[in-house]
């Protein structure tokens, strides 16, 4: 039986190069141990309370003892359910990982269980804390395409994890940093707040602003229009509406607000179509691009290589002051203090 056929062998083999996932797996051991202890303790209390109650001659004491036994049994069942859910979730995650590896093998793609997110220059991967790229599938021809899920540890979700799918497409030329924030209303919040200074917003022609909000470095507005032409804008709307799009260095990233099912062939179909349409057209459009500000041919000057980040306090403070001022004025006007 091969490593892909046997889940246990697959897990052991892939964990060798996945230190972060290995650590998160080890965290399950104390939880399972605690659940086991609590189950045993609840069973002991239930048994002791029930046997004691049966020996009582007083009806009230017997009833009280049986109620304690029932409560301990219910608590034990709760802990047992938690342990079963943890085992099921852990096993399901590993079955999904193996299915993703099988899909990669069947399609001629390469598979990695874990990748350091610092390998990618996109804004999403610059977040602090424990995070990793999981279930990465990539292919080199005819274009470099990487499809994976970004995973981060968080206390904001009940599961303790936040996951977001992304597609990375390699293009053959470095371009100025551009971020296209999806303007579509969505149920799931974005993985991270847009950290860029608002004075880098560039409005484009037509109704494109209804679909995306474009950020590009100051004084690189003409460069952005050189790359993001009307036909590229049309492809962004047709192929990637609802996703954030980021062009940075020689990458084009399409970022979802939910994880991809990496065992679903439709995900790879979508990535290949996206590379063949939006990726190819962006690459073709930028063929003649050169940053004249850069002293090194083929590279982007520091002023355009990365969007400037704004400070949260400076972004939030002005509207906060305006709201407080308006509320104060309204309160004074309505109470007659003025």
C-alpha atoms as a PDB file:
ATOM      1  CA  UNK A   1       0.000   0.000   0.000  1.00  0.00           C
ATOM      2  CA  UNK A   2       1.470   3.356  -1.064  1.00  0.00           C
ATOM      3  CA  UNK A   3       1.772   6.434   1.110  1.00  0.00           C
ATOM      4  CA  UNK A   4      -1.196   8.051  -0.661  1.00  0.00           C
ATOM      5  CA  UNK A   5      -3.366   4.976  -0.142  1.00  0.00           C
ATOM      6  CA  UNK A   6      -2.591   4.637   3.546  1.00  0.00           C
ATOM      7  CA  UNK A   7      -3.650   7.698   5.553  1.00  0.00           C
ATOM      8  CA  UNK A   8      -1.301   6.948   8.443  1.00  0.00           C
ATOM      9  CA  UNK A   9       1.702   6.589   6.143  1.00  0.00           C
ATOM     10  CA  UNK A  10       0.739   9.727   4.219  1.00  0.00           C
ATOM     11  CA  UNK A  11       0.511  11.691   7.454  1.00  0.00           C
ATOM     12  CA  UNK A  12       3.886  10.457   8.681  1.00  0.00           C
ATOM     13  CA  UNK A  13       5.613  11.213   5.363  1.00  0.00           C
ATOM     14  CA  UNK A  14       4.211  14.707   4.784  1.00  0.00           C
ATOM     15  CA  UNK A  15       4.718  15.901   8.364  1.00  0.00           C
ATOM     16  CA  UNK A  16       8.498  15.603   7.973  1.00  0.00           C
ATOM     17  CA  UNK A  17       8.528  18.896   6.063  1.00  0.00           C
ATOM     18  CA  UNK A  18       5.634  20.557   7.879  1.00  0.00           C
ATOM     19  CA  UNK A  19       6.914  21.807  11.239  1.00  0.00           C
ATOM     20  CA  UNK A  20       4.036  24.200  11.989  1.00  0.00           C
ATOM     21  CA  UNK A  21       1.308  21.666  11.207  1.00  0.00           C
ATOM     22  CA  UNK A  22       3.217  19.090  13.247  1.00  0.00           C
ATOM     23  CA  UNK A  23       3.146  21.444  16.229  1.00  0.00           C
ATOM     24  CA  UNK A  24      -0.580  22.091  15.862  1.00  0.00           C
ATOM     25  CA  UNK A  25      -1.198  18.348  15.674  1.00  0.00           C
ATOM     26  CA  UNK A  26       0.731  17.839  18.902  1.00  0.00           C
ATOM     27  CA  UNK A  27      -1.497  20.421  20.592  1.00  0.00           C
ATOM     28  CA  UNK A  28      -4.381  17.972  20.239  1.00  0.00           C
ATOM     29  CA  UNK A  29      -2.698  15.514  22.642  1.00  0.00           C
ATOM     30  CA  UNK A  30      -3.261  17.582  25.837  1.00  0.00           C
ATOM     31  CA  UNK A  31      -6.865  18.224  24.799  1.00  0.00           C
ATOM     32  CA  UNK A  32      -7.599  14.535  24.246  1.00  0.00           C
ATOM     33  CA  UNK A  33      -5.843  13.678  27.522  1.00  0.00           C
ATOM     34  CA  UNK A  34      -7.937  16.245  29.399  1.00  0.00           C
ATOM     35  CA  UNK A  35     -11.142  14.947  27.808  1.00  0.00           C
ATOM     36  CA  UNK A  36     -10.226  11.380  28.783  1.00  0.00           C
ATOM     37  CA  UNK A  37      -9.591  12.404  32.393  1.00  0.00           C
ATOM     38  CA  UNK A  38     -12.870  14.338  32.562  1.00  0.00           C
ATOM     39  CA  UNK A  39     -14.800  11.410  31.084  1.00  0.00           C
ATOM     40  CA  UNK A  40     -13.288   9.010  33.629  1.00  0.00           C
ATOM     41  CA  UNK A  41     -13.912  11.442  36.489  1.00  0.00           C
ATOM     42  CA  UNK A  42     -17.545  11.967  35.434  1.00  0.00           C
ATOM     43  CA  UNK A  43     -18.081   8.209  35.206  1.00  0.00           C
ATOM     44  CA  UNK A  44     -16.620   7.690  38.675  1.00  0.00           C
ATOM     45  CA  UNK A  45     -18.829  10.398  40.171  1.00  0.00           C
ATOM     46  CA  UNK A  46     -21.912   8.991  38.439  1.00  0.00           C
ATOM     47  CA  UNK A  47     -21.154   5.458  39.614  1.00  0.00           C
ATOM     48  CA  UNK A  48     -20.421   6.555  43.208  1.00  0.00           C
ATOM     49  CA  UNK A  49     -23.535   8.760  43.392  1.00  0.00           C
ATOM     50  CA  UNK A  50     -25.774   6.020  41.937  1.00  0.00           C
ATOM     51  CA  UNK A  51     -24.492   3.241  44.242  1.00  0.00           C
ATOM     52  CA  UNK A  52     -24.714   5.530  47.273  1.00  0.00           C
ATOM     53  CA  UNK A  53     -28.266   6.555  46.388  1.00  0.00           C
ATOM     54  CA  UNK A  54     -29.367   2.943  46.015  1.00  0.00           C
ATOM     55  CA  UNK A  55     -28.241   2.259  49.581  1.00  0.00           C
ATOM     56  CA  UNK A  56     -30.143   5.214  51.062  1.00  0.00           C
ATOM     57  CA  UNK A  57     -33.323   4.474  52.947  1.00  0.00           C
ATOM     58  CA  UNK A  58     -34.513   8.073  52.798  1.00  0.00           C
ATOM     59  CA  UNK A  59     -36.400   8.775  49.554  1.00  0.00           C
ATOM     60  CA  UNK A  60     -35.267  12.399  49.362  1.00  0.00           C
ATOM     61  CA  UNK A  61     -31.612  11.455  49.738  1.00  0.00           C
ATOM     62  CA  UNK A  62     -32.001   8.672  47.186  1.00  0.00           C
ATOM     63  CA  UNK A  63     -33.557  11.111  44.696  1.00  0.00           C
ATOM     64  CA  UNK A  64     -30.813  13.655  45.316  1.00  0.00           C
ATOM     65  CA  UNK A  65     -28.124  11.049  44.737  1.00  0.00           C
ATOM     66  CA  UNK A  66     -29.706   9.853  41.504  1.00  0.00           C
ATOM     67  CA  UNK A  67     -29.919  13.440  40.236  1.00  0.00           C
ATOM     68  CA  UNK A  68     -26.186  13.850  40.895  1.00  0.00           C
ATOM     69  CA  UNK A  69     -25.537  10.589  39.009  1.00  0.00           C
ATOM     70  CA  UNK A  70     -27.617  11.745  36.056  1.00  0.00           C
ATOM     71  CA  UNK A  71     -25.870  15.153  36.001  1.00  0.00           C
ATOM     72  CA  UNK A  72     -22.443  13.507  36.085  1.00  0.00           C
ATOM     73  CA  UNK A  73     -23.490  11.138  33.287  1.00  0.00           C
ATOM     74  CA  UNK A  74     -24.676  14.056  31.131  1.00  0.00           C
ATOM     75  CA  UNK A  75     -21.403  15.887  31.768  1.00  0.00           C
ATOM     76  CA  UNK A  76     -19.449  12.768  30.850  1.00  0.00           C
ATOM     77  CA  UNK A  77     -21.457  12.452  27.631  1.00  0.00           C
ATOM     78  CA  UNK A  78     -20.623  16.091  26.848  1.00  0.00           C
ATOM     79  CA  UNK A  79     -16.884  15.439  27.262  1.00  0.00           C
ATOM     80  CA  UNK A  80     -17.174  12.246  25.220  1.00  0.00           C
ATOM     81  CA  UNK A  81     -18.895  14.168  22.433  1.00  0.00           C
ATOM     82  CA  UNK A  82     -16.103  16.762  22.482  1.00  0.00           C
ATOM     83  CA  UNK A  83     -13.442  14.062  22.193  1.00  0.00           C
ATOM     84  CA  UNK A  84     -15.297  12.337  19.335  1.00  0.00           C
ATOM     85  CA  UNK A  85     -15.737  15.670  17.503  1.00  0.00           C
ATOM     86  CA  UNK A  86     -12.021  16.444  17.880  1.00  0.00           C
ATOM     87  CA  UNK A  87     -11.055  13.010  16.535  1.00  0.00           C
ATOM     88  CA  UNK A  88     -13.512  13.321  13.649  1.00  0.00           C
ATOM     89  CA  UNK A  89     -12.344  16.830  12.718  1.00  0.00           C
ATOM     90  CA  UNK A  90      -8.688  15.813  12.870  1.00  0.00           C
ATOM     91  CA  UNK A  91      -9.287  12.737  10.722  1.00  0.00           C
ATOM     92  CA  UNK A  92     -11.408  14.662   8.227  1.00  0.00           C
ATOM     93  CA  UNK A  93      -8.681  17.263   7.805  1.00  0.00           C
ATOM     94  CA  UNK A  94      -6.132  14.586   7.039  1.00  0.00           C
ATOM     95  CA  UNK A  95      -8.463  12.833   4.593  1.00  0.00           C
ATOM     96  CA  UNK A  96      -8.904  16.155   2.768  1.00  0.00           C
ATOM     97  CA  UNK A  97      -5.122  16.630   2.647  1.00  0.00           C
ATOM     98  CA  UNK A  98      -4.600  13.189   1.178  1.00  0.00           C
ATOM     99  CA  UNK A  99      -7.371  13.795  -1.380  1.00  0.00           C
ATOM    100  CA  UNK A 100      -5.632  17.041  -2.429  1.00  0.00           C
ATOM    101  CA  UNK A 101      -2.354  15.153  -2.896  1.00  0.00           C
ATOM    102  CA  UNK A 102      -4.140  12.525  -4.991  1.00  0.00           C
ATOM    103  CA  UNK A 103      -5.673  15.255  -7.161  1.00  0.00           C
ATOM    104  CA  UNK A 104      -2.269  16.848  -7.698  1.00  0.00           C
ATOM    105  CA  UNK A 105      -0.791  13.493  -8.712  1.00  0.00           C
ATOM    106  CA  UNK A 106      -3.653  12.794 -11.117  1.00  0.00           C
ATOM    107  CA  UNK A 107      -3.361  16.229 -12.768  1.00  0.00           C
ATOM    108  CA  UNK A 108       0.440  16.318 -13.006  1.00  0.00           C
ATOM    109  CA  UNK A 109       0.802  19.042 -10.366  1.00  0.00           C
ATOM    110  CA  UNK A 110       3.195  19.124  -7.415  1.00  0.00           C
ATOM    111  CA  UNK A 111       1.938  18.912  -3.827  1.00  0.00           C
ATOM    112  CA  UNK A 112       3.276  20.369  -0.578  1.00  0.00           C
ATOM    113  CA  UNK A 113       1.513  19.974   2.747  1.00  0.00           C
ATOM    114  CA  UNK A 114       3.018  23.167   4.187  1.00  0.00           C
ATOM    115  CA  UNK A 115       4.886  26.188   2.840  1.00  0.00           C
ATOM    116  CA  UNK A 116       6.300  29.161   4.701  1.00  0.00           C
ATOM    117  CA  UNK A 117       4.016  32.110   3.810  1.00  0.00           C
ATOM    118  CA  UNK A 118       7.063  34.375   3.664  1.00  0.00           C
ATOM    119  CA  UNK A 119       7.805  32.702   0.330  1.00  0.00           C
ATOM    120  CA  UNK A 120       5.117  34.932  -1.190  1.00  0.00           C
ATOM    121  CA  UNK A 121       5.225  38.748  -1.384  1.00  0.00           C
ATOM    122  CA  UNK A 122       1.457  39.346  -1.181  1.00  0.00           C
ATOM    123  CA  UNK A 123       0.010  41.470   1.611  1.00  0.00           C
ATOM    124  CA  UNK A 124      -1.989  38.590   3.066  1.00  0.00           C
ATOM    125  CA  UNK A 125       1.166  36.658   3.963  1.00  0.00           C
ATOM    126  CA  UNK A 126       2.800  39.508   5.857  1.00  0.00           C
ATOM    127  CA  UNK A 127       0.560  39.047   8.886  1.00  0.00           C
ATOM    128  CA  UNK A 128       2.169  38.362  12.238  1.00  0.00           C
ATOM    129  CA  UNK A 129       1.529  35.343  14.424  1.00  0.00           C
ATOM    130  CA  UNK A 130       1.559  31.645  13.655  1.00  0.00           C
ATOM    131  CA  UNK A 131       0.431  31.077  10.094  1.00  0.00           C
ATOM    132  CA  UNK A 132       1.259  28.860   7.167  1.00  0.00           C
ATOM    133  CA  UNK A 133       0.287  27.921   3.609  1.00  0.00           C
ATOM    134  CA  UNK A 134      -1.387  24.520   3.503  1.00  0.00           C
ATOM    135  CA  UNK A 135      -2.273  22.043   0.758  1.00  0.00           C
ATOM    136  CA  UNK A 136      -0.229  23.825  -1.887  1.00  0.00           C
ATOM    137  CA  UNK A 137      -0.605  22.559  -5.451  1.00  0.00           C
ATOM    138  CA  UNK A 138       1.564  24.068  -8.167  1.00  0.00           C
ATOM    139  CA  UNK A 139       2.481  23.531 -11.790  1.00  0.00           C
ATOM    140  CA  UNK A 140       5.262  25.093 -13.885  1.00  0.00           C
ATOM    141  CA  UNK A 141       3.915  24.854 -17.431  1.00  0.00           C
ATOM    142  CA  UNK A 142       2.577  26.593 -19.431  1.00  0.00           C
ATOM    143  CA  UNK A 143       2.619  29.229 -16.653  1.00  0.00           C
ATOM    144  CA  UNK A 144       3.600  28.943 -13.033  1.00  0.00           C
ATOM    145  CA  UNK A 145       0.396  28.549 -11.018  1.00  0.00           C
ATOM    146  CA  UNK A 146       0.123  27.971  -7.272  1.00  0.00           C
ATOM    147  CA  UNK A 147      -3.168  27.174  -5.563  1.00  0.00           C
ATOM    148  CA  UNK A 148      -3.388  26.784  -1.799  1.00  0.00           C
ATOM    149  CA  UNK A 149      -5.024  27.865   1.435  1.00  0.00           C
ATOM    150  CA  UNK A 150      -3.547  30.352   3.850  1.00  0.00           C
ATOM    151  CA  UNK A 151      -4.130  29.289   7.470  1.00  0.00           C
ATOM    152  CA  UNK A 152      -3.625  31.407  10.574  1.00  0.00           C
ATOM    153  CA  UNK A 153      -4.153  30.767  14.258  1.00  0.00           C
ATOM    154  CA  UNK A 154      -6.694  33.148  15.744  1.00  0.00           C
ATOM    155  CA  UNK A 155      -8.762  33.672  18.861  1.00  0.00           C
ATOM    156  CA  UNK A 156     -11.511  35.417  16.892  1.00  0.00           C
ATOM    157  CA  UNK A 157     -13.073  32.217  15.544  1.00  0.00           C
ATOM    158  CA  UNK A 158     -14.504  29.304  17.468  1.00  0.00           C
ATOM    159  CA  UNK A 159     -12.361  26.858  15.505  1.00  0.00           C
ATOM    160  CA  UNK A 160      -9.171  28.741  16.383  1.00  0.00           C
ATOM    161  CA  UNK A 161      -8.301  28.878  12.663  1.00  0.00           C
ATOM    162  CA  UNK A 162      -8.903  31.281   9.806  1.00  0.00           C
ATOM    163  CA  UNK A 163      -8.460  30.016   6.265  1.00  0.00           C
ATOM    164  CA  UNK A 164      -8.420  31.826   2.933  1.00  0.00           C
ATOM    165  CA  UNK A 165      -7.833  30.430  -0.529  1.00  0.00           C
ATOM    166  CA  UNK A 166      -5.496  32.044  -3.020  1.00  0.00           C
ATOM    167  CA  UNK A 167      -4.161  31.565  -6.528  1.00  0.00           C
ATOM    168  CA  UNK A 168      -0.695  32.833  -7.411  1.00  0.00           C
ATOM    169  CA  UNK A 169       0.247  33.250 -11.069  1.00  0.00           C
ATOM    170  CA  UNK A 170       3.814  33.974 -12.128  1.00  0.00           C
ATOM    171  CA  UNK A 171       4.308  36.643 -14.781  1.00  0.00           C
ATOM    172  CA  UNK A 172       7.552  37.219 -16.655  1.00  0.00           C
ATOM    173  CA  UNK A 173       8.092  40.859 -15.661  1.00  0.00           C
ATOM    174  CA  UNK A 174       8.227  42.803 -12.411  1.00  0.00           C
ATOM    175  CA  UNK A 175       5.493  45.399 -12.097  1.00  0.00           C
ATOM    176  CA  UNK A 176       4.646  48.181  -9.644  1.00  0.00           C
ATOM    177  CA  UNK A 177       2.643  47.139  -6.623  1.00  0.00           C
ATOM    178  CA  UNK A 178      -1.093  47.294  -7.268  1.00  0.00           C
ATOM    179  CA  UNK A 179      -3.917  46.100  -5.043  1.00  0.00           C
ATOM    180  CA  UNK A 180      -7.490  45.746  -6.269  1.00  0.00           C
ATOM    181  CA  UNK A 181      -9.875  45.444  -3.363  1.00  0.00           C
ATOM    182  CA  UNK A 182     -13.173  43.759  -4.183  1.00  0.00           C
ATOM    183  CA  UNK A 183     -16.041  46.190  -3.773  1.00  0.00           C
ATOM    184  CA  UNK A 184     -18.663  43.431  -3.767  1.00  0.00           C
ATOM    185  CA  UNK A 185     -20.672  42.860  -0.623  1.00  0.00           C
ATOM    186  CA  UNK A 186     -19.860  39.510   0.912  1.00  0.00           C
ATOM    187  CA  UNK A 187     -20.973  37.567   3.965  1.00  0.00           C
ATOM    188  CA  UNK A 188     -17.438  36.745   5.065  1.00  0.00           C
ATOM    189  CA  UNK A 189     -15.150  39.550   6.189  1.00  0.00           C
ATOM    190  CA  UNK A 190     -11.792  40.091   4.501  1.00  0.00           C
ATOM    191  CA  UNK A 191      -8.840  38.260   6.015  1.00  0.00           C
ATOM    192  CA  UNK A 192      -7.150  41.527   6.921  1.00  0.00           C
ATOM    193  CA  UNK A 193      -7.884  45.253   6.803  1.00  0.00           C
ATOM    194  CA  UNK A 194      -6.580  47.045   3.736  1.00  0.00           C
ATOM    195  CA  UNK A 195      -3.456  48.659   5.219  1.00  0.00           C
ATOM    196  CA  UNK A 196      -2.659  51.113   2.445  1.00  0.00           C
ATOM    197  CA  UNK A 197      -2.845  54.876   2.629  1.00  0.00           C
ATOM    198  CA  UNK A 198      -6.113  56.129   1.134  1.00  0.00           C
ATOM    199  CA  UNK A 199      -4.356  58.801  -0.951  1.00  0.00           C
ATOM    200  CA  UNK A 200      -3.078  55.945  -3.170  1.00  0.00           C
ATOM    201  CA  UNK A 201      -6.578  55.162  -4.462  1.00  0.00           C
ATOM    202  CA  UNK A 202      -6.931  55.511  -8.229  1.00  0.00           C
ATOM    203  CA  UNK A 203     -10.354  55.707  -9.841  1.00  0.00           C
ATOM    204  CA  UNK A 204     -10.649  54.008 -13.225  1.00  0.00           C
ATOM    205  CA  UNK A 205     -13.007  54.604 -16.120  1.00  0.00           C
ATOM    206  CA  UNK A 206     -16.526  53.289 -16.518  1.00  0.00           C
ATOM    207  CA  UNK A 207     -18.178  51.368 -13.704  1.00  0.00           C
ATOM    208  CA  UNK A 208     -15.003  49.473 -12.761  1.00  0.00           C
ATOM    209  CA  UNK A 209     -15.024  51.145  -9.333  1.00  0.00           C
ATOM    210  CA  UNK A 210     -18.272  49.316  -8.601  1.00  0.00           C
ATOM    211  CA  UNK A 211     -16.314  46.063  -8.776  1.00  0.00           C
ATOM    212  CA  UNK A 212     -12.827  46.948  -7.520  1.00  0.00           C
ATOM    213  CA  UNK A 213     -11.043  49.730  -5.656  1.00  0.00           C
ATOM    214  CA  UNK A 214      -7.542  50.123  -7.064  1.00  0.00           C
ATOM    215  CA  UNK A 215      -4.534  51.160  -4.961  1.00  0.00           C
ATOM    216  CA  UNK A 216      -1.265  52.034  -6.675  1.00  0.00           C
ATOM    217  CA  UNK A 217       1.834  53.946  -5.486  1.00  0.00           C
ATOM    218  CA  UNK A 218       1.823  57.723  -5.847  1.00  0.00           C
ATOM    219  CA  UNK A 219       3.233  58.920  -9.185  1.00  0.00           C
ATOM    220  CA  UNK A 220       2.698  55.416 -10.638  1.00  0.00           C
ATOM    221  CA  UNK A 221      -0.835  56.134 -11.828  1.00  0.00           C
ATOM    222  CA  UNK A 222       0.215  56.177 -15.500  1.00  0.00           C
ATOM    223  CA  UNK A 223       2.133  52.921 -15.009  1.00  0.00           C
ATOM    224  CA  UNK A 224      -0.978  51.301 -13.527  1.00  0.00           C
ATOM    225  CA  UNK A 225      -3.052  52.403 -16.511  1.00  0.00           C
ATOM    226  CA  UNK A 226      -0.397  50.916 -18.815  1.00  0.00           C
ATOM    227  CA  UNK A 227      -1.042  47.480 -17.281  1.00  0.00           C
ATOM    228  CA  UNK A 228      -4.702  47.631 -16.268  1.00  0.00           C
ATOM    229  CA  UNK A 229      -6.260  48.451 -19.602  1.00  0.00           C
ATOM    230  CA  UNK A 230      -9.987  48.171 -20.414  1.00  0.00           C
ATOM    231  CA  UNK A 231      -9.601  44.579 -21.647  1.00  0.00           C
ATOM    232  CA  UNK A 232      -7.740  43.593 -18.461  1.00  0.00           C
ATOM    233  CA  UNK A 233     -10.438  45.311 -16.396  1.00  0.00           C
ATOM    234  CA  UNK A 234     -13.108  43.362 -18.273  1.00  0.00           C
ATOM    235  CA  UNK A 235     -11.338  40.078 -17.518  1.00  0.00           C
ATOM    236  CA  UNK A 236     -11.025  41.007 -13.848  1.00  0.00           C
ATOM    237  CA  UNK A 237     -14.766  41.596 -13.665  1.00  0.00           C
ATOM    238  CA  UNK A 238     -15.661  38.482 -15.682  1.00  0.00           C
ATOM    239  CA  UNK A 239     -13.201  36.063 -14.081  1.00  0.00           C
ATOM    240  CA  UNK A 240     -12.413  37.355 -10.579  1.00  0.00           C
ATOM    241  CA  UNK A 241     -15.343  39.404  -9.304  1.00  0.00           C
ATOM    242  CA  UNK A 242     -15.638  38.946  -5.541  1.00  0.00           C
ATOM    243  CA  UNK A 243     -11.915  38.229  -5.135  1.00  0.00           C
ATOM    244  CA  UNK A 244      -9.143  40.626  -4.166  1.00  0.00           C
ATOM    245  CA  UNK A 245      -6.400  40.903  -6.784  1.00  0.00           C
ATOM    246  CA  UNK A 246      -2.821  41.894  -6.044  1.00  0.00           C
ATOM    247  CA  UNK A 247       0.025  42.505  -8.481  1.00  0.00           C
ATOM    248  CA  UNK A 248       3.379  42.579  -6.720  1.00  0.00           C
ATOM    249  CA  UNK A 249       6.883  41.893  -8.063  1.00  0.00           C
ATOM    250  CA  UNK A 250       6.406  39.251 -10.779  1.00  0.00           C
ATOM    251  CA  UNK A 251       3.243  37.744  -9.263  1.00  0.00           C
ATOM    252  CA  UNK A 252      -0.477  38.130  -9.760  1.00  0.00           C
ATOM    253  CA  UNK A 253      -2.484  36.917  -6.765  1.00  0.00           C
ATOM    254  CA  UNK A 254      -6.213  36.264  -6.631  1.00  0.00           C
ATOM    255  CA  UNK A 255      -7.363  35.995  -3.013  1.00  0.00           C
ATOM    256  CA  UNK A 256     -10.634  34.523  -1.769  1.00  0.00           C
ATOM    257  CA  UNK A 257     -12.317  35.215   1.553  1.00  0.00           C
ATOM    258  CA  UNK A 258     -12.931  31.517   2.209  1.00  0.00           C
ATOM    259  CA  UNK A 259     -10.719  28.432   1.860  1.00  0.00           C
ATOM    260  CA  UNK A 260     -10.687  26.383  -1.308  1.00  0.00           C
ATOM    261  CA  UNK A 261     -11.684  22.730  -1.303  1.00  0.00           C
ATOM    262  CA  UNK A 262      -8.303  21.536  -2.521  1.00  0.00           C
ATOM    263  CA  UNK A 263      -9.683  18.076  -3.337  1.00  0.00           C
ATOM    264  CA  UNK A 264     -12.152  19.550  -5.846  1.00  0.00           C
ATOM    265  CA  UNK A 265     -10.897  19.446  -9.473  1.00  0.00           C
ATOM    266  CA  UNK A 266     -13.018  22.534 -10.201  1.00  0.00           C
ATOM    267  CA  UNK A 267     -10.571  24.615  -8.135  1.00  0.00           C
ATOM    268  CA  UNK A 268      -7.684  23.685 -10.432  1.00  0.00           C
ATOM    269  CA  UNK A 269      -9.905  24.202 -13.479  1.00  0.00           C
ATOM    270  CA  UNK A 270     -10.666  27.712 -12.242  1.00  0.00           C
ATOM    271  CA  UNK A 271      -6.973  28.434 -11.571  1.00  0.00           C
ATOM    272  CA  UNK A 272      -5.950  27.236 -15.031  1.00  0.00           C
ATOM    273  CA  UNK A 273      -8.689  29.293 -16.700  1.00  0.00           C
ATOM    274  CA  UNK A 274      -7.693  32.332 -14.659  1.00  0.00           C
ATOM    275  CA  UNK A 275      -4.044  31.934 -15.671  1.00  0.00           C
ATOM    276  CA  UNK A 276      -5.006  31.479 -19.321  1.00  0.00           C
ATOM    277  CA  UNK A 277      -7.183  34.581 -19.404  1.00  0.00           C
ATOM    278  CA  UNK A 278      -6.330  37.213 -16.799  1.00  0.00           C
ATOM    279  CA  UNK A 279      -2.771  35.984 -16.219  1.00  0.00           C
ATOM    280  CA  UNK A 280      -1.878  35.757 -19.900  1.00  0.00           C
ATOM    281  CA  UNK A 281      -3.486  39.078 -20.744  1.00  0.00           C
ATOM    282  CA  UNK A 282      -1.759  40.889 -17.870  1.00  0.00           C
ATOM    283  CA  UNK A 283       1.559  39.369 -18.882  1.00  0.00           C
ATOM    284  CA  UNK A 284       1.041  40.308 -22.523  1.00  0.00           C
ATOM    285  CA  UNK A 285      -0.021  43.848 -21.661  1.00  0.00           C
ATOM    286  CA  UNK A 286       3.094  44.385 -19.532  1.00  0.00           C
ATOM    287  CA  UNK A 287       5.559  42.980 -22.082  1.00  0.00           C
ATOM    288  CA  UNK A 288       6.946  46.398 -22.995  1.00  0.00           C
ATOM    289  CA  UNK A 289       6.778  47.881 -19.516  1.00  0.00           C
ATOM    290  CA  UNK A 290       9.895  49.300 -17.903  1.00  0.00           C
ATOM    291  CA  UNK A 291      10.229  51.464 -14.817  1.00  0.00           C
ATOM    292  CA  UNK A 292      12.407  54.388 -15.934  1.00  0.00           C
ATOM    293  CA  UNK A 293      12.867  55.443 -12.307  1.00  0.00           C
ATOM    294  CA  UNK A 294      14.788  52.279 -11.491  1.00  0.00           C
ATOM    295  CA  UNK A 295      18.549  52.168 -11.971  1.00  0.00           C
ATOM    296  CA  UNK A 296      18.405  48.404 -12.498  1.00  0.00           C
ATOM    297  CA  UNK A 297      16.697  47.224 -15.694  1.00  0.00           C
ATOM    298  CA  UNK A 298      13.852  44.816 -15.037  1.00  0.00           C
ATOM    299  CA  UNK A 299      13.333  46.015 -11.469  1.00  0.00           C
ATOM    300  CA  UNK A 300      10.932  48.506  -9.899  1.00  0.00           C
ATOM    301  CA  UNK A 301      12.114  51.555  -8.015  1.00  0.00           C
ATOM    302  CA  UNK A 302      11.542  51.416  -4.249  1.00  0.00           C
ATOM    303  CA  UNK A 303       8.861  54.108  -4.540  1.00  0.00           C
ATOM    304  CA  UNK A 304       6.729  51.820  -6.706  1.00  0.00           C
ATOM    305  CA  UNK A 305       7.747  48.361  -5.534  1.00  0.00           C
ATOM    306  CA  UNK A 306       5.470  48.521  -2.502  1.00  0.00           C
ATOM    307  CA  UNK A 307       2.377  50.505  -1.638  1.00  0.00           C
ATOM    308  CA  UNK A 308       2.824  52.790   1.354  1.00  0.00           C
ATOM    309  CA  UNK A 309       1.024  51.620   4.442  1.00  0.00           C
ATOM    310  CA  UNK A 310      -1.070  54.012   6.490  1.00  0.00           C
ATOM    311  CA  UNK A 311      -1.167  54.204  10.248  1.00  0.00           C
ATOM    312  CA  UNK A 312      -4.400  52.921  11.708  1.00  0.00           C
ATOM    313  CA  UNK A 313      -4.624  55.797  14.196  1.00  0.00           C
ATOM    314  CA  UNK A 314      -4.279  58.409  11.468  1.00  0.00           C
ATOM    315  CA  UNK A 315      -6.882  56.612   9.382  1.00  0.00           C
ATOM    316  CA  UNK A 316      -9.462  56.206  12.147  1.00  0.00           C
ATOM    317  CA  UNK A 317      -8.914  59.405  14.142  1.00  0.00           C
ATOM    318  CA  UNK A 318     -10.319  62.022  11.692  1.00  0.00           C
ATOM    319  CA  UNK A 319     -13.705  60.319  11.164  1.00  0.00           C
ATOM    320  CA  UNK A 320     -13.884  59.512  14.895  1.00  0.00           C
ATOM    321  CA  UNK A 321     -13.341  63.195  15.762  1.00  0.00           C
ATOM    322  CA  UNK A 322     -16.006  64.200  13.231  1.00  0.00           C
ATOM    323  CA  UNK A 323     -18.533  61.743  14.711  1.00  0.00           C
ATOM    324  CA  UNK A 324     -17.837  62.857  18.294  1.00  0.00           C
ATOM    325  CA  UNK A 325     -18.126  66.521  17.267  1.00  0.00           C
ATOM    326  CA  UNK A 326     -21.429  65.916  15.496  1.00  0.00           C
ATOM    327  CA  UNK A 327     -22.863  63.962  18.458  1.00  0.00           C
ATOM    328  CA  UNK A 328     -21.764  66.708  20.855  1.00  0.00           C
ATOM    329  CA  UNK A 329     -23.286  69.432  18.713  1.00  0.00           C
ATOM    330  CA  UNK A 330     -26.538  67.465  18.346  1.00  0.00           C
ATOM    331  CA  UNK A 331     -26.754  66.867  22.129  1.00  0.00           C
ATOM    332  CA  UNK A 332     -26.172  70.543  22.904  1.00  0.00           C
ATOM    333  CA  UNK A 333     -28.752  71.614  20.305  1.00  0.00           C
ATOM    334  CA  UNK A 334     -31.433  69.211  21.550  1.00  0.00           C
ATOM    335  CA  UNK A 335     -30.914  69.898  25.259  1.00  0.00           C
ATOM    336  CA  UNK A 336     -30.955  73.649  24.796  1.00  0.00           C
ATOM    337  CA  UNK A 337     -27.569  74.172  26.423  1.00  0.00           C
ATOM    338  CA  UNK A 338     -26.426  76.215  23.509  1.00  0.00           C
END
